[in-house]
C-alpha atoms as a PDB file:
ATOM      1  CA  UNK A   1      21.701  56.710 -19.213  1.00  0.00           C
ATOM      2  CA  UNK A   2      24.337  54.850 -21.216  1.00  0.00           C
ATOM      3  CA  UNK A   3      24.826  51.212 -20.274  1.00  0.00           C
ATOM      4  CA  UNK A   4      21.676  51.006 -18.162  1.00  0.00           C
ATOM      5  CA  UNK A   5      19.101  48.343 -19.040  1.00  0.00           C
ATOM      6  CA  UNK A   6      15.466  48.565 -17.963  1.00  0.00           C
ATOM      7  CA  UNK A   7      13.178  45.569 -17.461  1.00  0.00           C
ATOM      8  CA  UNK A   8       9.453  45.500 -16.808  1.00  0.00           C
ATOM      9  CA  UNK A   9       8.266  43.166 -14.075  1.00  0.00           C
ATOM     10  CA  UNK A  10      10.198  41.703 -11.158  1.00  0.00           C
ATOM     11  CA  UNK A  11      13.530  39.983 -10.639  1.00  0.00           C
ATOM     12  CA  UNK A  12      14.384  36.883  -8.662  1.00  0.00           C
ATOM     13  CA  UNK A  13      17.213  34.408  -8.230  1.00  0.00           C
ATOM     14  CA  UNK A  14      17.816  31.727 -10.818  1.00  0.00           C
ATOM     15  CA  UNK A  15      15.384  28.806 -10.678  1.00  0.00           C
ATOM     16  CA  UNK A  16      16.067  25.282  -9.454  1.00  0.00           C
ATOM     17  CA  UNK A  17      14.205  22.539 -11.305  1.00  0.00           C
ATOM     18  CA  UNK A  18      14.086  19.951  -8.539  1.00  0.00           C
ATOM     19  CA  UNK A  19      12.896  17.081 -10.729  1.00  0.00           C
ATOM     20  CA  UNK A  20      13.431  16.434 -14.403  1.00  0.00           C
ATOM     21  CA  UNK A  21      14.376  13.651 -16.824  1.00  0.00           C
ATOM     22  CA  UNK A  22      16.245  15.562 -19.517  1.00  0.00           C
ATOM     23  CA  UNK A  23      17.338  12.336 -21.243  1.00  0.00           C
ATOM     24  CA  UNK A  24      13.683  11.772 -22.245  1.00  0.00           C
ATOM     25  CA  UNK A  25      13.460  15.065 -24.143  1.00  0.00           C
ATOM     26  CA  UNK A  26      13.325  13.201 -27.472  1.00  0.00           C
ATOM     27  CA  UNK A  27       9.884  11.857 -26.445  1.00  0.00           C
ATOM     28  CA  UNK A  28       8.328  15.328 -26.619  1.00  0.00           C
ATOM     29  CA  UNK A  29       4.803  14.931 -28.016  1.00  0.00           C
ATOM     30  CA  UNK A  30       5.155  11.191 -28.573  1.00  0.00           C
ATOM     31  CA  UNK A  31       2.951   9.982 -25.704  1.00  0.00           C
ATOM     32  CA  UNK A  32      -0.766  10.703 -25.673  1.00  0.00           C
ATOM     33  CA  UNK A  33      -2.133  13.001 -22.982  1.00  0.00           C
ATOM     34  CA  UNK A  34      -4.704  12.060 -20.376  1.00  0.00           C
ATOM     35  CA  UNK A  35      -4.489   8.276 -20.547  1.00  0.00           C
ATOM     36  CA  UNK A  36      -3.633   7.802 -16.891  1.00  0.00           C
ATOM     37  CA  UNK A  37      -0.470   6.616 -15.224  1.00  0.00           C
ATOM     38  CA  UNK A  38      -0.599   2.929 -16.127  1.00  0.00           C
ATOM     39  CA  UNK A  39      -1.106   3.785 -19.810  1.00  0.00           C
ATOM     40  CA  UNK A  40       1.721   6.333 -19.659  1.00  0.00           C
ATOM     41  CA  UNK A  41       4.151   3.853 -18.074  1.00  0.00           C
ATOM     42  CA  UNK A  42       3.263   1.238 -20.675  1.00  0.00           C
ATOM     43  CA  UNK A  43       3.732   3.769 -23.502  1.00  0.00           C
ATOM     44  CA  UNK A  44       7.162   4.809 -22.202  1.00  0.00           C
ATOM     45  CA  UNK A  45       8.327   1.221 -22.564  1.00  0.00           C
ATOM     46  CA  UNK A  46       7.103   1.078 -26.155  1.00  0.00           C
ATOM     47  CA  UNK A  47       8.538   4.369 -27.464  1.00  0.00           C
ATOM     48  CA  UNK A  48      11.831   4.511 -25.553  1.00  0.00           C
ATOM     49  CA  UNK A  49      14.760   4.100 -27.928  1.00  0.00           C
ATOM     50  CA  UNK A  50      12.741   4.828 -31.071  1.00  0.00           C
ATOM     51  CA  UNK A  51      14.980   7.731 -32.131  1.00  0.00           C
ATOM     52  CA  UNK A  52      18.653   7.636 -33.057  1.00  0.00           C
ATOM     53  CA  UNK A  53      21.342   8.655 -30.560  1.00  0.00           C
ATOM     54  CA  UNK A  54      22.002  11.818 -32.576  1.00  0.00           C
ATOM     55  CA  UNK A  55      18.329  12.776 -32.389  1.00  0.00           C
ATOM     56  CA  UNK A  56      18.263  12.091 -28.671  1.00  0.00           C
ATOM     57  CA  UNK A  57      21.360  14.222 -28.077  1.00  0.00           C
ATOM     58  CA  UNK A  58      19.922  17.076 -30.133  1.00  0.00           C
ATOM     59  CA  UNK A  59      16.719  17.056 -28.074  1.00  0.00           C
ATOM     60  CA  UNK A  60      18.681  17.001 -24.796  1.00  0.00           C
ATOM     61  CA  UNK A  61      20.828  19.960 -25.879  1.00  0.00           C
ATOM     62  CA  UNK A  62      17.772  21.930 -26.964  1.00  0.00           C
ATOM     63  CA  UNK A  63      16.034  21.288 -23.633  1.00  0.00           C
ATOM     64  CA  UNK A  64      19.149  22.281 -21.671  1.00  0.00           C
ATOM     65  CA  UNK A  65      19.450  25.547 -23.583  1.00  0.00           C
ATOM     66  CA  UNK A  66      15.767  26.363 -23.126  1.00  0.00           C
ATOM     67  CA  UNK A  67      16.027  25.888 -19.351  1.00  0.00           C
ATOM     68  CA  UNK A  68      19.123  28.088 -19.169  1.00  0.00           C
ATOM     69  CA  UNK A  69      17.503  30.880 -21.171  1.00  0.00           C
ATOM     70  CA  UNK A  70      14.446  30.843 -18.927  1.00  0.00           C
ATOM     71  CA  UNK A  71      16.667  31.197 -15.882  1.00  0.00           C
ATOM     72  CA  UNK A  72      17.244  27.691 -14.507  1.00  0.00           C
ATOM     73  CA  UNK A  73      20.512  27.509 -12.558  1.00  0.00           C
ATOM     74  CA  UNK A  74      20.334  23.937 -11.300  1.00  0.00           C
ATOM     75  CA  UNK A  75      18.455  20.695 -11.941  1.00  0.00           C
ATOM     76  CA  UNK A  76      17.812  17.520  -9.972  1.00  0.00           C
ATOM     77  CA  UNK A  77      17.894  15.200 -12.971  1.00  0.00           C
ATOM     78  CA  UNK A  78      16.904  11.541 -13.158  1.00  0.00           C
ATOM     79  CA  UNK A  79      19.088   9.339 -15.376  1.00  0.00           C
ATOM     80  CA  UNK A  80      18.762   5.774 -16.615  1.00  0.00           C
ATOM     81  CA  UNK A  81      21.839   5.854 -18.839  1.00  0.00           C
ATOM     82  CA  UNK A  82      24.776   8.024 -19.882  1.00  0.00           C
ATOM     83  CA  UNK A  83      23.127   9.805 -22.843  1.00  0.00           C
ATOM     84  CA  UNK A  84      22.670  13.183 -21.165  1.00  0.00           C
ATOM     85  CA  UNK A  85      26.074  13.555 -19.516  1.00  0.00           C
ATOM     86  CA  UNK A  86      27.941  15.016 -22.488  1.00  0.00           C
ATOM     87  CA  UNK A  87      25.456  17.897 -22.604  1.00  0.00           C
ATOM     88  CA  UNK A  88      25.521  18.332 -18.835  1.00  0.00           C
ATOM     89  CA  UNK A  89      29.300  18.516 -18.658  1.00  0.00           C
ATOM     90  CA  UNK A  90      29.244  21.400 -21.156  1.00  0.00           C
ATOM     91  CA  UNK A  91      26.222  23.184 -19.709  1.00  0.00           C
ATOM     92  CA  UNK A  92      26.322  26.298 -17.486  1.00  0.00           C
ATOM     93  CA  UNK A  93      23.516  24.647 -15.488  1.00  0.00           C
ATOM     94  CA  UNK A  94      24.479  22.677 -12.376  1.00  0.00           C
ATOM     95  CA  UNK A  95      23.074  19.146 -12.525  1.00  0.00           C
ATOM     96  CA  UNK A  96      22.782  16.673  -9.702  1.00  0.00           C
ATOM     97  CA  UNK A  97      22.091  13.403 -11.506  1.00  0.00           C
ATOM     98  CA  UNK A  98      20.084  10.737  -9.703  1.00  0.00           C
ATOM     99  CA  UNK A  99      20.931   7.361 -11.267  1.00  0.00           C
ATOM    100  CA  UNK A 100      17.587   5.656 -11.009  1.00  0.00           C
ATOM    101  CA  UNK A 101      17.394   2.069  -9.785  1.00  0.00           C
ATOM    102  CA  UNK A 102      14.323   0.150 -10.942  1.00  0.00           C
ATOM    103  CA  UNK A 103      13.080  -3.097 -12.433  1.00  0.00           C
ATOM    104  CA  UNK A 104      10.847  -5.795 -10.967  1.00  0.00           C
ATOM    105  CA  UNK A 105      11.836  -8.448 -13.500  1.00  0.00           C
ATOM    106  CA  UNK A 106      15.503  -7.455 -13.697  1.00  0.00           C
ATOM    107  CA  UNK A 107      16.797  -4.702 -11.430  1.00  0.00           C
ATOM    108  CA  UNK A 108      19.396  -2.393 -13.016  1.00  0.00           C
ATOM    109  CA  UNK A 109      21.339  -1.678  -9.801  1.00  0.00           C
ATOM    110  CA  UNK A 110      24.712  -2.900 -11.081  1.00  0.00           C
ATOM    111  CA  UNK A 111      24.375  -1.013 -14.360  1.00  0.00           C
ATOM    112  CA  UNK A 112      23.534   2.188 -12.512  1.00  0.00           C
ATOM    113  CA  UNK A 113      26.656   1.877 -10.360  1.00  0.00           C
ATOM    114  CA  UNK A 114      28.669   2.556 -13.533  1.00  0.00           C
ATOM    115  CA  UNK A 115      27.099   6.036 -13.793  1.00  0.00           C
ATOM    116  CA  UNK A 116      28.674   7.087 -10.490  1.00  0.00           C
ATOM    117  CA  UNK A 117      31.861   7.884 -12.404  1.00  0.00           C
ATOM    118  CA  UNK A 118      30.186  11.119 -13.535  1.00  0.00           C
ATOM    119  CA  UNK A 119      30.369  14.175 -11.241  1.00  0.00           C
ATOM    120  CA  UNK A 120      27.485  15.032  -8.920  1.00  0.00           C
ATOM    121  CA  UNK A 121      25.798  11.666  -9.442  1.00  0.00           C
ATOM    122  CA  UNK A 122      24.220   9.407  -6.826  1.00  0.00           C
ATOM    123  CA  UNK A 123      21.906   6.398  -6.740  1.00  0.00           C
ATOM    124  CA  UNK A 124      18.218   6.597  -5.957  1.00  0.00           C
ATOM    125  CA  UNK A 125      15.293   4.168  -6.158  1.00  0.00           C
ATOM    126  CA  UNK A 126      12.719   5.072  -8.787  1.00  0.00           C
ATOM    127  CA  UNK A 127       9.692   4.563  -6.551  1.00  0.00           C
ATOM    128  CA  UNK A 128       8.074   2.405  -3.916  1.00  0.00           C
ATOM    129  CA  UNK A 129       6.351   0.244  -6.552  1.00  0.00           C
ATOM    130  CA  UNK A 130       9.122  -0.513  -9.068  1.00  0.00           C
ATOM    131  CA  UNK A 131      12.124  -1.770  -7.068  1.00  0.00           C
ATOM    132  CA  UNK A 132      12.496  -5.148  -5.272  1.00  0.00           C
ATOM    133  CA  UNK A 133      13.011  -5.065  -1.532  1.00  0.00           C
ATOM    134  CA  UNK A 134      16.741  -5.832  -1.272  1.00  0.00           C
ATOM    135  CA  UNK A 135      18.052  -3.212  -3.755  1.00  0.00           C
ATOM    136  CA  UNK A 136      15.571  -0.643  -2.445  1.00  0.00           C
ATOM    137  CA  UNK A 137      16.908  -1.094   1.082  1.00  0.00           C
ATOM    138  CA  UNK A 138      20.507  -1.059  -0.136  1.00  0.00           C
ATOM    139  CA  UNK A 139      20.169   2.204  -2.039  1.00  0.00           C
ATOM    140  CA  UNK A 140      18.191   3.956   0.703  1.00  0.00           C
ATOM    141  CA  UNK A 141      20.636   3.004   3.468  1.00  0.00           C
ATOM    142  CA  UNK A 142      23.988   3.566   1.725  1.00  0.00           C
ATOM    143  CA  UNK A 143      25.871   6.801   0.918  1.00  0.00           C
ATOM    144  CA  UNK A 144      23.589   8.664   3.288  1.00  0.00           C
ATOM    145  CA  UNK A 145      25.419  11.956   2.739  1.00  0.00           C
ATOM    146  CA  UNK A 146      23.731  12.089  -0.687  1.00  0.00           C
ATOM    147  CA  UNK A 147      20.046  12.979  -1.116  1.00  0.00           C
ATOM    148  CA  UNK A 148      17.446  10.555  -2.415  1.00  0.00           C
ATOM    149  CA  UNK A 149      14.802  11.461  -5.002  1.00  0.00           C
ATOM    150  CA  UNK A 150      11.833   9.072  -4.972  1.00  0.00           C
ATOM    151  CA  UNK A 151       8.606   9.211  -6.966  1.00  0.00           C
ATOM    152  CA  UNK A 152       5.864   8.976  -4.332  1.00  0.00           C
ATOM    153  CA  UNK A 153       2.084   8.647  -4.592  1.00  0.00           C
ATOM    154  CA  UNK A 154       1.722  10.068  -8.065  1.00  0.00           C
ATOM    155  CA  UNK A 155      -1.637   8.281  -8.190  1.00  0.00           C
ATOM    156  CA  UNK A 156      -3.977   6.419  -5.868  1.00  0.00           C
ATOM    157  CA  UNK A 157      -2.980   3.218  -7.694  1.00  0.00           C
ATOM    158  CA  UNK A 158       0.296   3.178  -5.751  1.00  0.00           C
ATOM    159  CA  UNK A 159      -1.630   2.792  -2.499  1.00  0.00           C
ATOM    160  CA  UNK A 160      -4.033   0.302  -4.060  1.00  0.00           C
ATOM    161  CA  UNK A 161      -1.145  -1.902  -5.219  1.00  0.00           C
ATOM    162  CA  UNK A 162      -0.258  -2.589  -1.582  1.00  0.00           C
ATOM    163  CA  UNK A 163      -3.884  -3.630  -1.035  1.00  0.00           C
ATOM    164  CA  UNK A 164      -4.029  -5.908  -4.072  1.00  0.00           C
ATOM    165  CA  UNK A 165      -6.239  -3.738  -6.237  1.00  0.00           C
ATOM    166  CA  UNK A 166      -6.184  -0.902  -8.794  1.00  0.00           C
ATOM    167  CA  UNK A 167      -4.852  -0.366 -12.304  1.00  0.00           C
ATOM    168  CA  UNK A 168      -1.210  -0.789 -11.328  1.00  0.00           C
ATOM    169  CA  UNK A 169      -1.953  -4.110  -9.647  1.00  0.00           C
ATOM    170  CA  UNK A 170      -3.893  -5.291 -12.713  1.00  0.00           C
ATOM    171  CA  UNK A 171      -1.070  -4.305 -15.063  1.00  0.00           C
ATOM    172  CA  UNK A 172       1.554  -6.075 -12.932  1.00  0.00           C
ATOM    173  CA  UNK A 173      -0.597  -9.200 -12.815  1.00  0.00           C
ATOM    174  CA  UNK A 174      -1.016  -9.082 -16.597  1.00  0.00           C
ATOM    175  CA  UNK A 175       2.726  -8.851 -17.337  1.00  0.00           C
ATOM    176  CA  UNK A 176       3.793 -11.177 -14.532  1.00  0.00           C
ATOM    177  CA  UNK A 177       5.630  -8.718 -12.254  1.00  0.00           C
ATOM    178  CA  UNK A 178       6.183  -9.979  -8.709  1.00  0.00           C
ATOM    179  CA  UNK A 179       6.247  -7.631  -5.708  1.00  0.00           C
ATOM    180  CA  UNK A 180       8.198  -8.727  -2.621  1.00  0.00           C
ATOM    181  CA  UNK A 181       7.556  -5.493  -0.710  1.00  0.00           C
ATOM    182  CA  UNK A 182       3.796  -5.333  -0.183  1.00  0.00           C
ATOM    183  CA  UNK A 183       4.202  -6.448   3.442  1.00  0.00           C
ATOM    184  CA  UNK A 184       5.127  -2.847   4.327  1.00  0.00           C
ATOM    185  CA  UNK A 185       1.452  -2.021   3.922  1.00  0.00           C
ATOM    186  CA  UNK A 186       1.821   1.285   2.093  1.00  0.00           C
ATOM    187  CA  UNK A 187       4.331   3.335   0.049  1.00  0.00           C
ATOM    188  CA  UNK A 188       4.870   5.680   2.985  1.00  0.00           C
ATOM    189  CA  UNK A 189       5.641   2.885   5.432  1.00  0.00           C
ATOM    190  CA  UNK A 190       8.100   1.371   2.984  1.00  0.00           C
ATOM    191  CA  UNK A 191      10.092   4.591   2.813  1.00  0.00           C
ATOM    192  CA  UNK A 192      10.064   4.954   6.595  1.00  0.00           C
ATOM    193  CA  UNK A 193      11.181   1.359   7.169  1.00  0.00           C
ATOM    194  CA  UNK A 194      14.026   1.481   4.651  1.00  0.00           C
ATOM    195  CA  UNK A 195      15.486   4.990   4.935  1.00  0.00           C
ATOM    196  CA  UNK A 196      17.667   6.340   7.764  1.00  0.00           C
ATOM    197  CA  UNK A 197      16.023   9.258   9.520  1.00  0.00           C
ATOM    198  CA  UNK A 198      19.099  11.447   8.973  1.00  0.00           C
ATOM    199  CA  UNK A 199      18.996  11.246   5.181  1.00  0.00           C
ATOM    200  CA  UNK A 200      17.799  14.187   3.063  1.00  0.00           C
ATOM    201  CA  UNK A 201      15.031  13.075   0.739  1.00  0.00           C
ATOM    202  CA  UNK A 202      13.097  14.552  -2.171  1.00  0.00           C
ATOM    203  CA  UNK A 203       9.616  13.039  -2.511  1.00  0.00           C
ATOM    204  CA  UNK A 204       8.270  13.714  -5.976  1.00  0.00           C
ATOM    205  CA  UNK A 205       4.659  14.258  -7.176  1.00  0.00           C
ATOM    206  CA  UNK A 206       2.657  13.550  -3.967  1.00  0.00           C
ATOM    207  CA  UNK A 207      -0.688  13.845  -5.779  1.00  0.00           C
ATOM    208  CA  UNK A 208      -2.318  11.174  -3.601  1.00  0.00           C
ATOM    209  CA  UNK A 209      -0.586  12.162  -0.365  1.00  0.00           C
ATOM    210  CA  UNK A 210      -2.701  12.270   2.795  1.00  0.00           C
ATOM    211  CA  UNK A 211      -2.352  14.143   6.058  1.00  0.00           C
ATOM    212  CA  UNK A 212      -1.434  10.813   7.677  1.00  0.00           C
ATOM    213  CA  UNK A 213       1.359  10.272   5.115  1.00  0.00           C
ATOM    214  CA  UNK A 214       2.758  13.748   5.696  1.00  0.00           C
ATOM    215  CA  UNK A 215       2.734  13.367   9.464  1.00  0.00           C
ATOM    216  CA  UNK A 216       4.293   9.886   9.403  1.00  0.00           C
ATOM    217  CA  UNK A 217       7.104  10.954   7.102  1.00  0.00           C
ATOM    218  CA  UNK A 218       7.937  14.207   8.889  1.00  0.00           C
ATOM    219  CA  UNK A 219       7.873  12.432  12.268  1.00  0.00           C
ATOM    220  CA  UNK A 220      10.326   9.802  11.005  1.00  0.00           C
ATOM    221  CA  UNK A 221      12.943  12.048   9.422  1.00  0.00           C
ATOM    222  CA  UNK A 222      15.189  14.284  11.474  1.00  0.00           C
ATOM    223  CA  UNK A 223      16.789  15.530   8.230  1.00  0.00           C
ATOM    224  CA  UNK A 224      14.881  17.794   5.889  1.00  0.00           C
ATOM    225  CA  UNK A 225      12.152  16.360   3.680  1.00  0.00           C
ATOM    226  CA  UNK A 226      11.517  18.124   0.371  1.00  0.00           C
ATOM    227  CA  UNK A 227       8.139  17.719  -1.309  1.00  0.00           C
ATOM    228  CA  UNK A 228       8.585  18.203  -5.053  1.00  0.00           C
ATOM    229  CA  UNK A 229       5.488  19.108  -7.067  1.00  0.00           C
ATOM    230  CA  UNK A 230       5.292  18.742 -10.863  1.00  0.00           C
ATOM    231  CA  UNK A 231       1.703  19.842 -11.542  1.00  0.00           C
ATOM    232  CA  UNK A 232       1.793  20.126 -15.329  1.00  0.00           C
ATOM    233  CA  UNK A 233       3.159  16.602 -15.677  1.00  0.00           C
ATOM    234  CA  UNK A 234       0.345  15.277 -13.486  1.00  0.00           C
ATOM    235  CA  UNK A 235      -2.144  17.175 -15.621  1.00  0.00           C
ATOM    236  CA  UNK A 236      -0.586  15.840 -18.832  1.00  0.00           C
ATOM    237  CA  UNK A 237      -0.658  12.210 -17.695  1.00  0.00           C
ATOM    238  CA  UNK A 238      -3.805  11.942 -15.599  1.00  0.00           C
ATOM    239  CA  UNK A 239      -5.552  15.340 -15.616  1.00  0.00           C
ATOM    240  CA  UNK A 240      -4.768  15.624 -11.899  1.00  0.00           C
ATOM    241  CA  UNK A 241      -4.681  19.054 -10.282  1.00  0.00           C
ATOM    242  CA  UNK A 242      -2.084  19.813  -7.542  1.00  0.00           C
ATOM    243  CA  UNK A 243      -4.491  19.197  -4.652  1.00  0.00           C
ATOM    244  CA  UNK A 244      -1.759  18.054  -2.297  1.00  0.00           C
ATOM    245  CA  UNK A 245      -0.414  21.574  -1.931  1.00  0.00           C
ATOM    246  CA  UNK A 246      -3.251  22.492   0.458  1.00  0.00           C
ATOM    247  CA  UNK A 247      -2.388  19.598   2.771  1.00  0.00           C
ATOM    248  CA  UNK A 248       1.313  20.380   2.673  1.00  0.00           C
ATOM    249  CA  UNK A 249       0.823  24.072   3.412  1.00  0.00           C
ATOM    250  CA  UNK A 250      -1.572  23.289   6.252  1.00  0.00           C
ATOM    251  CA  UNK A 251       0.857  20.949   8.002  1.00  0.00           C
ATOM    252  CA  UNK A 252       2.030  22.260  11.366  1.00  0.00           C
ATOM    253  CA  UNK A 253       5.655  21.335  10.746  1.00  0.00           C
ATOM    254  CA  UNK A 254       8.051  23.257   8.533  1.00  0.00           C
ATOM    255  CA  UNK A 255       7.229  21.912   5.065  1.00  0.00           C
ATOM    256  CA  UNK A 256       9.682  22.457   2.230  1.00  0.00           C
ATOM    257  CA  UNK A 257       7.956  22.508  -1.166  1.00  0.00           C
ATOM    258  CA  UNK A 258       9.997  22.499  -4.384  1.00  0.00           C
ATOM    259  CA  UNK A 259       9.082  22.704  -8.060  1.00  0.00           C
ATOM    260  CA  UNK A 260       9.936  20.249 -10.830  1.00  0.00           C
ATOM    261  CA  UNK A 261       8.894  19.833 -14.447  1.00  0.00           C
ATOM    262  CA  UNK A 262       9.297  16.077 -14.909  1.00  0.00           C
ATOM    263  CA  UNK A 263      10.188  15.214 -18.532  1.00  0.00           C
ATOM    264  CA  UNK A 264       9.131  16.271 -21.996  1.00  0.00           C
ATOM    265  CA  UNK A 265       7.571  12.834 -22.317  1.00  0.00           C
ATOM    266  CA  UNK A 266       4.911  14.099 -19.892  1.00  0.00           C
ATOM    267  CA  UNK A 267       4.973  17.871 -20.257  1.00  0.00           C
ATOM    268  CA  UNK A 268       4.619  20.530 -22.907  1.00  0.00           C
ATOM    269  CA  UNK A 269       7.846  22.279 -21.831  1.00  0.00           C
ATOM    270  CA  UNK A 270      10.439  22.354 -19.045  1.00  0.00           C
ATOM    271  CA  UNK A 271       9.299  25.783 -17.907  1.00  0.00           C
ATOM    272  CA  UNK A 272       9.353  26.616 -14.219  1.00  0.00           C
ATOM    273  CA  UNK A 273       7.210  29.727 -14.686  1.00  0.00           C
ATOM    274  CA  UNK A 274       4.499  27.644 -16.369  1.00  0.00           C
ATOM    275  CA  UNK A 275       4.546  25.251 -13.406  1.00  0.00           C
ATOM    276  CA  UNK A 276       4.110  28.170 -11.011  1.00  0.00           C
ATOM    277  CA  UNK A 277       1.049  29.367 -12.923  1.00  0.00           C
ATOM    278  CA  UNK A 278      -0.708  26.164 -11.859  1.00  0.00           C
ATOM    279  CA  UNK A 279      -0.867  27.404  -8.249  1.00  0.00           C
ATOM    280  CA  UNK A 280      -3.500  30.110  -8.563  1.00  0.00           C
ATOM    281  CA  UNK A 281      -4.029  30.931  -4.883  1.00  0.00           C
ATOM    282  CA  UNK A 282      -0.455  30.849  -3.564  1.00  0.00           C
ATOM    283  CA  UNK A 283       1.337  34.180  -2.931  1.00  0.00           C
ATOM    284  CA  UNK A 284       4.020  34.794  -5.557  1.00  0.00           C
ATOM    285  CA  UNK A 285       6.732  35.368  -2.944  1.00  0.00           C
ATOM    286  CA  UNK A 286       6.076  31.870  -1.583  1.00  0.00           C
ATOM    287  CA  UNK A 287       6.039  30.334  -5.067  1.00  0.00           C
ATOM    288  CA  UNK A 288       9.395  31.900  -5.885  1.00  0.00           C
ATOM    289  CA  UNK A 289      10.896  30.440  -2.725  1.00  0.00           C
ATOM    290  CA  UNK A 290       9.691  26.995  -3.829  1.00  0.00           C
ATOM    291  CA  UNK A 291      11.298  27.520  -7.231  1.00  0.00           C
ATOM    292  CA  UNK A 292      14.624  28.896  -5.972  1.00  0.00           C
ATOM    293  CA  UNK A 293      15.936  28.506  -2.416  1.00  0.00           C
ATOM    294  CA  UNK A 294      13.978  25.394  -1.471  1.00  0.00           C
ATOM    295  CA  UNK A 295      15.190  23.552  -4.562  1.00  0.00           C
ATOM    296  CA  UNK A 296      18.773  24.598  -3.868  1.00  0.00           C
ATOM    297  CA  UNK A 297      18.497  23.309  -0.296  1.00  0.00           C
ATOM    298  CA  UNK A 298      17.058  20.028  -1.531  1.00  0.00           C
ATOM    299  CA  UNK A 299      20.102  19.469  -3.757  1.00  0.00           C
ATOM    300  CA  UNK A 300      22.525  20.656  -1.064  1.00  0.00           C
ATOM    301  CA  UNK A 301      23.753  23.624  -3.099  1.00  0.00           C
ATOM    302  CA  UNK A 302      22.144  26.549  -1.260  1.00  0.00           C
ATOM    303  CA  UNK A 303      25.619  27.847  -0.413  1.00  0.00           C
ATOM    304  CA  UNK A 304      25.939  28.694  -4.127  1.00  0.00           C
ATOM    305  CA  UNK A 305      22.432  28.962  -5.563  1.00  0.00           C
ATOM    306  CA  UNK A 306      18.868  29.794  -4.650  1.00  0.00           C
ATOM    307  CA  UNK A 307      19.115  33.445  -3.596  1.00  0.00           C
ATOM    308  CA  UNK A 308      20.728  36.676  -4.700  1.00  0.00           C
ATOM    309  CA  UNK A 309      23.514  37.183  -2.181  1.00  0.00           C
ATOM    310  CA  UNK A 310      27.136  38.291  -2.216  1.00  0.00           C
ATOM    311  CA  UNK A 311      29.378  35.304  -2.916  1.00  0.00           C
ATOM    312  CA  UNK A 312      26.699  33.132  -4.511  1.00  0.00           C
ATOM    313  CA  UNK A 313      26.585  32.010  -8.142  1.00  0.00           C
ATOM    314  CA  UNK A 314      22.851  32.448  -8.583  1.00  0.00           C
ATOM    315  CA  UNK A 315      21.682  34.037 -11.797  1.00  0.00           C
ATOM    316  CA  UNK A 316      19.090  36.779 -12.042  1.00  0.00           C
ATOM    317  CA  UNK A 317      15.749  36.217 -13.730  1.00  0.00           C
ATOM    318  CA  UNK A 318      13.289  38.818 -14.992  1.00  0.00           C
ATOM    319  CA  UNK A 319       9.635  37.824 -14.741  1.00  0.00           C
ATOM    320  CA  UNK A 320       7.478  39.972 -16.987  1.00  0.00           C
ATOM    321  CA  UNK A 321       3.712  40.094 -17.287  1.00  0.00           C
ATOM    322  CA  UNK A 322       3.208  40.230 -13.517  1.00  0.00           C
ATOM    323  CA  UNK A 323       0.127  41.855 -12.004  1.00  0.00           C
ATOM    324  CA  UNK A 324       1.896  44.394  -9.812  1.00  0.00           C
ATOM    325  CA  UNK A 325      -1.294  45.409  -8.007  1.00  0.00           C
ATOM    326  CA  UNK A 326      -1.643  42.092  -6.209  1.00  0.00           C
ATOM    327  CA  UNK A 327       1.835  40.726  -7.020  1.00  0.00           C
ATOM    328  CA  UNK A 328       0.611  37.670  -8.934  1.00  0.00           C
ATOM    329  CA  UNK A 329       1.401  35.814 -12.122  1.00  0.00           C
ATOM    330  CA  UNK A 330      -0.854  36.192 -15.147  1.00  0.00           C
ATOM    331  CA  UNK A 331      -1.314  33.985 -18.223  1.00  0.00           C
ATOM    332  CA  UNK A 332       1.094  36.326 -20.003  1.00  0.00           C
ATOM    333  CA  UNK A 333       3.894  35.991 -17.421  1.00  0.00           C
ATOM    334  CA  UNK A 334       7.246  34.940 -18.831  1.00  0.00           C
ATOM    335  CA  UNK A 335      10.684  34.369 -17.331  1.00  0.00           C
ATOM    336  CA  UNK A 336      13.977  35.280 -18.977  1.00  0.00           C
ATOM    337  CA  UNK A 337      17.548  35.129 -17.746  1.00  0.00           C
ATOM    338  CA  UNK A 338      19.242  38.533 -17.570  1.00  0.00           C
ATOM    339  CA  UNK A 339      22.393  37.346 -15.781  1.00  0.00           C
END
């Protein structure tokens, strides 16, 4: 039939990458795999800024185009500067940019305020271990209509820091970083103490999350909590598997899981379908909800994206290489935008 196109596989709504750092795309392949989080963080500081602005912009544009072609409609993107905004303003992808506040020796809060001139941009603290107490509280408690996106419990070292032990504690002691927030007792308790219960929050990584952490956080917040998993990044940095997914799925409360890729500094690609392949025992229908509607809800754009419905702007993605007998992904599965 003329004008009719046929596709093997299944279709779904356009993806939402709930956590990325597209400005770091120029670091693709420049940081060694498997060294652990402390080594990765130290390496980032050494290699950041080693390429020219033109090279950085080229890498950002290439990453943006690759995400679009695979079917990504929207991204929750972490920014530390203005480098990526020219590409974003021209891109068909919707970006919510989280201007990341961090720095134990010198906090960048005032510099990040300047980024709020760009559309769809809000402030967020980097994590519970990298921001002094006063700016952390300020960012968490202001502009509460905007979501927060906080790196949480990527490794056990984040918990150990609050107990005065672990690799992160040793590194901070070595470089002379001072922490004025350890009195909270744990990363989870710091978030609870500093964040209004009505604020939407994306908690990213969660590799070392416990049942106690999940219960404490969900009991505190009356607004939705979104648990963002970036399994390939965790594998790249620390060879950690996404164990936390079992705890999250087993929780009695309504748990919203989203999918992110993190950056090309800590991943082989910004591919959502490759992230989904990491979850071998999760039904595909559930995985696709994580990668579409849940991410759209997390960014507050589910009125436009996240599902194929009349009046929405969501694209349509073809996923090929699917095992149609048990409706599961295979190593050969690929995603491609068809609309």
